[in-house]
């Protein structure tokens, strides 16, 4: 049981560190990932969407569509393709560290500076 807890904590730390780096690469404060709701607002700023999308995230089923859309915009904001979005959705433990800790650079909201 202790090994499971250690692995679980390690995965949580990896995800927090990855998101922290994703935020800092975009010029946002990394500590924002630690504050619930505010972290989504900052993520919406990174992908170039208005704050009221947060309200759409509160509607059942609509939140799934807008959540996937936001992840796709995050991939595009770092110069990745929509295939990378599928990777983040299916295997976030691998793809988010690639985005945050890898060589991906922030290119603007949804890749606007391409």
N, C-alpha and C. Protein backbone atom coordinates (compact mmCIF):
# COMPACT_ATOMS: atom_id res chain seq x y z
N UNK A 1 0.83 -1.20 0.00
CA UNK A 1 0.00 0.00 0.00
C UNK A 1 0.86 1.26 0.00
N UNK A 2 1.99 1.19 0.70
CA UNK A 2 2.88 2.34 0.77
C UNK A 2 3.47 2.68 -0.59
N UNK A 3 3.77 1.67 -1.41
CA UNK A 3 4.33 1.91 -2.74
C UNK A 3 3.32 2.61 -3.64
N UNK A 4 2.06 2.23 -3.50
CA UNK A 4 1.01 2.86 -4.30
C UNK A 4 0.89 4.34 -3.94
N UNK A 5 0.96 4.65 -2.67
CA UNK A 5 0.88 6.04 -2.24
C UNK A 5 2.06 6.84 -2.76
N UNK A 6 3.26 6.26 -2.72
CA UNK A 6 4.45 6.96 -3.21
C UNK A 6 4.33 7.22 -4.71
N UNK A 7 3.87 6.24 -5.47
CA UNK A 7 3.69 6.42 -6.92
C UNK A 7 2.64 7.48 -7.21
N UNK A 8 1.55 7.45 -6.45
CA UNK A 8 0.47 8.43 -6.62
C UNK A 8 0.96 9.85 -6.36
N UNK A 9 1.71 10.03 -5.28
CA UNK A 9 2.25 11.35 -4.94
C UNK A 9 3.25 11.79 -6.01
N UNK A 10 4.06 10.85 -6.51
CA UNK A 10 5.04 11.19 -7.55
C UNK A 10 4.34 11.67 -8.83
N UNK A 11 3.24 11.01 -9.20
CA UNK A 11 2.49 11.42 -10.40
C UNK A 11 1.87 12.79 -10.19
N UNK A 12 1.32 13.05 -9.02
CA UNK A 12 0.73 14.36 -8.73
C UNK A 12 1.80 15.45 -8.81
N UNK A 13 2.97 15.19 -8.23
CA UNK A 13 4.06 16.16 -8.28
C UNK A 13 4.53 16.40 -9.72
N UNK A 14 4.61 15.35 -10.51
CA UNK A 14 5.00 15.49 -11.91
C UNK A 14 4.01 16.37 -12.67
N UNK A 15 2.72 16.17 -12.42
CA UNK A 15 1.70 16.98 -13.09
C UNK A 15 1.77 18.44 -12.63
N UNK A 16 1.94 18.67 -11.34
CA UNK A 16 2.05 20.04 -10.83
C UNK A 16 3.27 20.75 -11.41
N UNK A 17 4.40 20.06 -11.43
CA UNK A 17 5.62 20.67 -11.98
C UNK A 17 5.45 20.95 -13.47
N UNK A 18 4.81 20.02 -14.18
CA UNK A 18 4.59 20.22 -15.62
C UNK A 18 3.71 21.44 -15.89
N UNK A 19 2.60 21.54 -15.16
CA UNK A 19 1.72 22.69 -15.35
C UNK A 19 2.42 23.99 -14.91
N UNK A 20 3.21 23.93 -13.84
CA UNK A 20 3.96 25.10 -13.38
C UNK A 20 4.85 25.61 -14.52
N UNK A 21 5.57 24.69 -15.18
CA UNK A 21 6.44 25.09 -16.29
C UNK A 21 5.65 25.56 -17.50
N UNK A 22 4.49 24.96 -17.76
CA UNK A 22 3.63 25.41 -18.86
C UNK A 22 3.22 26.86 -18.63
N UNK A 23 2.85 27.17 -17.39
CA UNK A 23 2.44 28.54 -17.06
C UNK A 23 3.61 29.50 -17.17
N UNK A 24 4.77 29.14 -16.65
CA UNK A 24 5.91 30.06 -16.69
C UNK A 24 6.43 30.27 -18.11
N UNK A 25 6.36 29.26 -18.95
CA UNK A 25 6.77 29.43 -20.35
C UNK A 25 5.87 30.44 -21.06
N UNK A 26 4.63 30.54 -20.62
CA UNK A 26 3.69 31.47 -21.23
C UNK A 26 3.74 32.85 -20.57
N UNK A 27 4.64 33.04 -19.61
CA UNK A 27 4.77 34.34 -18.96
C UNK A 27 3.77 34.56 -17.84
N UNK A 28 3.15 33.52 -17.38
CA UNK A 28 2.20 33.60 -16.27
C UNK A 28 2.87 33.06 -15.01
N UNK A 29 2.36 33.43 -13.83
CA UNK A 29 2.97 32.92 -12.60
C UNK A 29 2.72 31.42 -12.43
N UNK A 30 3.76 30.67 -12.14
CA UNK A 30 3.63 29.24 -11.98
C UNK A 30 2.80 28.85 -10.78
N UNK A 31 2.85 29.65 -9.73
CA UNK A 31 2.10 29.34 -8.51
C UNK A 31 0.59 29.37 -8.75
N UNK A 32 0.16 29.93 -9.86
CA UNK A 32 -1.28 30.01 -10.15
C UNK A 32 -1.90 28.62 -10.28
N UNK A 33 -1.09 27.62 -10.63
CA UNK A 33 -1.64 26.28 -10.77
C UNK A 33 -2.12 25.72 -9.44
N UNK A 34 -1.64 26.27 -8.34
CA UNK A 34 -2.00 25.77 -7.01
C UNK A 34 -3.32 26.31 -6.50
N UNK A 35 -3.88 27.31 -7.16
CA UNK A 35 -5.10 27.96 -6.68
C UNK A 35 -6.28 27.52 -7.56
N UNK A 36 -7.22 26.78 -6.98
CA UNK A 36 -8.37 26.31 -7.77
C UNK A 36 -9.15 27.48 -8.39
N UNK A 37 -9.71 27.25 -9.51
CA UNK A 37 -10.50 28.17 -10.33
C UNK A 37 -9.60 29.23 -10.97
N UNK A 38 -8.72 29.86 -10.18
CA UNK A 38 -7.79 30.84 -10.75
C UNK A 38 -6.88 30.18 -11.78
N UNK A 39 -6.51 28.92 -11.54
CA UNK A 39 -5.64 28.24 -12.49
C UNK A 39 -6.33 28.06 -13.85
N UNK A 40 -7.63 27.85 -13.84
CA UNK A 40 -8.37 27.73 -15.10
C UNK A 40 -8.45 29.08 -15.80
N UNK A 41 -8.63 30.15 -15.03
CA UNK A 41 -8.67 31.49 -15.61
C UNK A 41 -7.33 31.81 -16.28
N UNK A 42 -6.23 31.48 -15.61
CA UNK A 42 -4.90 31.73 -16.19
C UNK A 42 -4.71 30.87 -17.44
N UNK A 43 -5.15 29.62 -17.39
CA UNK A 43 -5.04 28.75 -18.56
C UNK A 43 -5.86 29.30 -19.73
N UNK A 44 -7.02 29.86 -19.43
CA UNK A 44 -7.82 30.49 -20.48
C UNK A 44 -7.11 31.70 -21.07
N UNK A 45 -6.38 32.45 -20.25
CA UNK A 45 -5.58 33.57 -20.76
C UNK A 45 -4.47 33.07 -21.67
N UNK A 46 -3.85 31.96 -21.30
CA UNK A 46 -2.77 31.40 -22.11
C UNK A 46 -3.27 30.99 -23.49
N UNK A 47 -4.46 30.39 -23.54
CA UNK A 47 -4.99 29.94 -24.84
C UNK A 47 -5.77 31.03 -25.56
N UNK A 48 -5.94 32.19 -24.93
CA UNK A 48 -6.56 33.33 -25.60
C UNK A 48 -8.08 33.33 -25.59
N UNK A 49 -8.67 32.78 -24.58
CA UNK A 49 -10.14 32.75 -24.48
C UNK A 49 -10.59 33.59 -23.30
N UNK A 50 -11.84 34.09 -23.32
CA UNK A 50 -12.32 34.95 -22.24
C UNK A 50 -12.59 34.17 -20.96
N UNK A 51 -12.64 34.89 -19.84
CA UNK A 51 -12.83 34.27 -18.53
C UNK A 51 -14.17 33.58 -18.40
N UNK A 52 -15.18 34.03 -19.14
CA UNK A 52 -16.51 33.47 -18.97
C UNK A 52 -16.62 32.04 -19.49
N UNK A 53 -15.58 31.55 -20.17
CA UNK A 53 -15.55 30.13 -20.53
C UNK A 53 -15.57 29.27 -19.27
N UNK A 54 -15.08 29.84 -18.18
CA UNK A 54 -15.11 29.13 -16.90
C UNK A 54 -16.55 28.78 -16.52
N UNK A 55 -17.47 29.67 -16.81
CA UNK A 55 -18.88 29.40 -16.53
C UNK A 55 -19.41 28.24 -17.38
N UNK A 56 -18.92 28.13 -18.61
CA UNK A 56 -19.33 27.02 -19.46
C UNK A 56 -18.80 25.69 -18.93
N UNK A 57 -17.69 25.76 -18.19
CA UNK A 57 -17.12 24.55 -17.61
C UNK A 57 -17.98 24.00 -16.47
N UNK A 58 -18.95 24.76 -16.02
CA UNK A 58 -19.83 24.31 -14.94
C UNK A 58 -21.06 23.57 -15.44
N UNK A 59 -21.30 23.59 -16.75
CA UNK A 59 -22.47 22.95 -17.34
C UNK A 59 -22.11 21.50 -17.72
N UNK A 60 -22.83 20.53 -17.18
CA UNK A 60 -22.53 19.13 -17.52
C UNK A 60 -22.59 18.88 -19.02
N UNK A 61 -21.70 18.06 -19.51
CA UNK A 61 -21.51 17.67 -20.91
C UNK A 61 -20.91 18.80 -21.75
N UNK A 62 -21.34 20.03 -21.52
CA UNK A 62 -20.74 21.16 -22.21
C UNK A 62 -19.30 21.31 -21.74
N UNK A 63 -19.06 21.03 -20.46
CA UNK A 63 -17.71 21.15 -19.91
C UNK A 63 -16.74 20.18 -20.58
N UNK A 64 -17.20 19.02 -21.00
CA UNK A 64 -16.33 18.07 -21.68
C UNK A 64 -15.89 18.63 -23.02
N UNK A 65 -16.83 19.17 -23.77
CA UNK A 65 -16.52 19.74 -25.09
C UNK A 65 -15.56 20.92 -24.96
N UNK A 66 -15.86 21.84 -24.05
CA UNK A 66 -15.01 23.01 -23.90
C UNK A 66 -13.67 22.66 -23.26
N UNK A 67 -13.64 21.63 -22.42
CA UNK A 67 -12.37 21.17 -21.85
C UNK A 67 -11.45 20.61 -22.91
N UNK A 68 -11.99 19.79 -23.80
CA UNK A 68 -11.18 19.24 -24.90
C UNK A 68 -10.75 20.36 -25.84
N UNK A 69 -11.64 21.29 -26.10
CA UNK A 69 -11.30 22.44 -26.95
C UNK A 69 -10.17 23.25 -26.33
N UNK A 70 -10.23 23.45 -25.02
CA UNK A 70 -9.19 24.22 -24.33
C UNK A 70 -7.86 23.48 -24.38
N UNK A 71 -7.87 22.16 -24.24
CA UNK A 71 -6.63 21.38 -24.34
C UNK A 71 -6.06 21.47 -25.75
N UNK A 72 -6.93 21.45 -26.76
CA UNK A 72 -6.45 21.60 -28.14
C UNK A 72 -5.82 22.98 -28.35
N UNK A 73 -6.44 24.01 -27.82
CA UNK A 73 -5.88 25.35 -27.94
C UNK A 73 -4.56 25.47 -27.19
N UNK A 74 -4.42 24.74 -26.08
CA UNK A 74 -3.16 24.73 -25.35
C UNK A 74 -2.07 24.09 -26.20
N UNK A 75 -2.38 22.99 -26.84
CA UNK A 75 -1.41 22.34 -27.74
C UNK A 75 -0.99 23.29 -28.86
N UNK A 76 -1.95 23.94 -29.47
CA UNK A 76 -1.65 24.88 -30.56
C UNK A 76 -0.85 26.07 -30.06
N UNK A 77 -1.10 26.50 -28.82
CA UNK A 77 -0.37 27.64 -28.25
C UNK A 77 1.11 27.33 -28.06
N UNK A 78 1.45 26.07 -27.99
CA UNK A 78 2.84 25.66 -27.85
C UNK A 78 3.40 25.07 -29.14
N UNK A 79 2.72 25.33 -30.24
CA UNK A 79 3.23 24.90 -31.54
C UNK A 79 3.07 23.42 -31.83
N UNK A 80 2.22 22.76 -31.11
CA UNK A 80 1.99 21.33 -31.32
C UNK A 80 0.73 21.15 -32.16
N UNK A 81 0.55 19.93 -32.67
CA UNK A 81 -0.59 19.65 -33.54
C UNK A 81 -1.79 19.14 -32.74
N UNK A 82 -2.87 18.91 -33.45
CA UNK A 82 -4.05 18.35 -32.81
C UNK A 82 -3.82 16.91 -32.38
N UNK A 83 -2.89 16.23 -33.01
CA UNK A 83 -2.53 14.88 -32.58
C UNK A 83 -1.93 14.89 -31.18
N UNK A 84 -1.21 15.94 -30.85
CA UNK A 84 -0.66 16.10 -29.51
C UNK A 84 -1.78 16.26 -28.49
N UNK A 85 -2.87 16.89 -28.91
CA UNK A 85 -4.05 17.03 -28.05
C UNK A 85 -4.60 15.67 -27.68
N UNK A 86 -4.68 14.78 -28.65
CA UNK A 86 -5.16 13.42 -28.39
C UNK A 86 -4.24 12.75 -27.37
N UNK A 87 -2.94 12.97 -27.50
CA UNK A 87 -1.99 12.42 -26.55
C UNK A 87 -2.21 12.96 -25.15
N UNK A 88 -2.46 14.25 -25.03
CA UNK A 88 -2.71 14.84 -23.70
C UNK A 88 -3.99 14.26 -23.09
N UNK A 89 -5.00 14.07 -23.91
CA UNK A 89 -6.27 13.54 -23.39
C UNK A 89 -6.12 12.09 -22.96
N UNK A 90 -5.44 11.27 -23.75
CA UNK A 90 -5.34 9.84 -23.46
C UNK A 90 -4.23 9.49 -22.48
N UNK A 91 -3.12 10.24 -22.49
CA UNK A 91 -1.98 9.92 -21.66
C UNK A 91 -1.32 11.20 -21.13
N UNK A 92 -2.04 11.92 -20.26
CA UNK A 92 -1.51 13.20 -19.78
C UNK A 92 -0.22 13.08 -18.97
N UNK A 93 0.01 11.93 -18.34
CA UNK A 93 1.21 11.75 -17.54
C UNK A 93 2.47 11.79 -18.41
N UNK A 94 2.34 11.46 -19.68
CA UNK A 94 3.47 11.50 -20.61
C UNK A 94 3.51 12.83 -21.37
N UNK A 95 2.38 13.27 -21.89
CA UNK A 95 2.36 14.40 -22.81
C UNK A 95 2.45 15.76 -22.13
N UNK A 96 1.90 15.93 -20.94
CA UNK A 96 2.04 17.21 -20.25
C UNK A 96 3.49 17.50 -19.83
N UNK A 97 4.23 16.49 -19.33
CA UNK A 97 5.66 16.76 -19.08
C UNK A 97 6.44 17.07 -20.36
N UNK A 98 6.05 16.47 -21.47
CA UNK A 98 6.71 16.81 -22.73
C UNK A 98 6.48 18.28 -23.05
N UNK A 99 5.27 18.75 -22.83
CA UNK A 99 4.93 20.14 -23.10
C UNK A 99 5.61 21.09 -22.11
N UNK A 100 5.55 20.75 -20.84
CA UNK A 100 6.08 21.65 -19.82
C UNK A 100 7.58 21.56 -19.62
N UNK A 101 8.11 20.35 -19.59
CA UNK A 101 9.52 20.16 -19.29
C UNK A 101 10.38 19.97 -20.53
N UNK A 102 9.75 19.80 -21.67
CA UNK A 102 10.47 19.60 -22.92
C UNK A 102 10.86 20.91 -23.57
N UNK A 103 11.18 20.84 -24.83
CA UNK A 103 11.67 22.01 -25.57
C UNK A 103 10.57 22.84 -26.22
N UNK A 104 9.31 22.51 -25.95
CA UNK A 104 8.19 23.27 -26.54
C UNK A 104 8.23 24.71 -26.05
N UNK A 105 8.01 25.64 -26.96
CA UNK A 105 8.00 27.06 -26.58
C UNK A 105 6.63 27.65 -26.85
N UNK A 106 6.26 28.60 -26.04
CA UNK A 106 4.97 29.27 -26.18
C UNK A 106 5.03 30.19 -27.39
N UNK A 107 4.09 30.00 -28.33
CA UNK A 107 4.09 30.79 -29.56
C UNK A 107 2.95 31.78 -29.62
N UNK A 108 2.18 31.89 -28.54
CA UNK A 108 1.06 32.82 -28.49
C UNK A 108 -0.24 32.08 -28.35
N UNK A 109 -1.30 32.82 -28.03
CA UNK A 109 -2.60 32.19 -27.85
C UNK A 109 -3.02 31.39 -29.08
N UNK A 110 -3.18 30.10 -28.88
CA UNK A 110 -3.58 29.16 -29.94
C UNK A 110 -2.65 29.26 -31.15
N UNK A 111 -1.39 29.54 -30.93
CA UNK A 111 -0.40 29.58 -32.01
C UNK A 111 -0.55 30.77 -32.92
N UNK A 112 -1.04 31.88 -32.42
CA UNK A 112 -1.33 33.07 -33.23
C UNK A 112 -0.08 33.66 -33.88
N UNK A 113 1.09 33.45 -33.30
CA UNK A 113 2.31 34.04 -33.83
C UNK A 113 3.01 33.18 -34.86
N UNK A 114 2.30 32.18 -35.39
CA UNK A 114 2.94 31.30 -36.40
C UNK A 114 3.27 32.08 -37.65
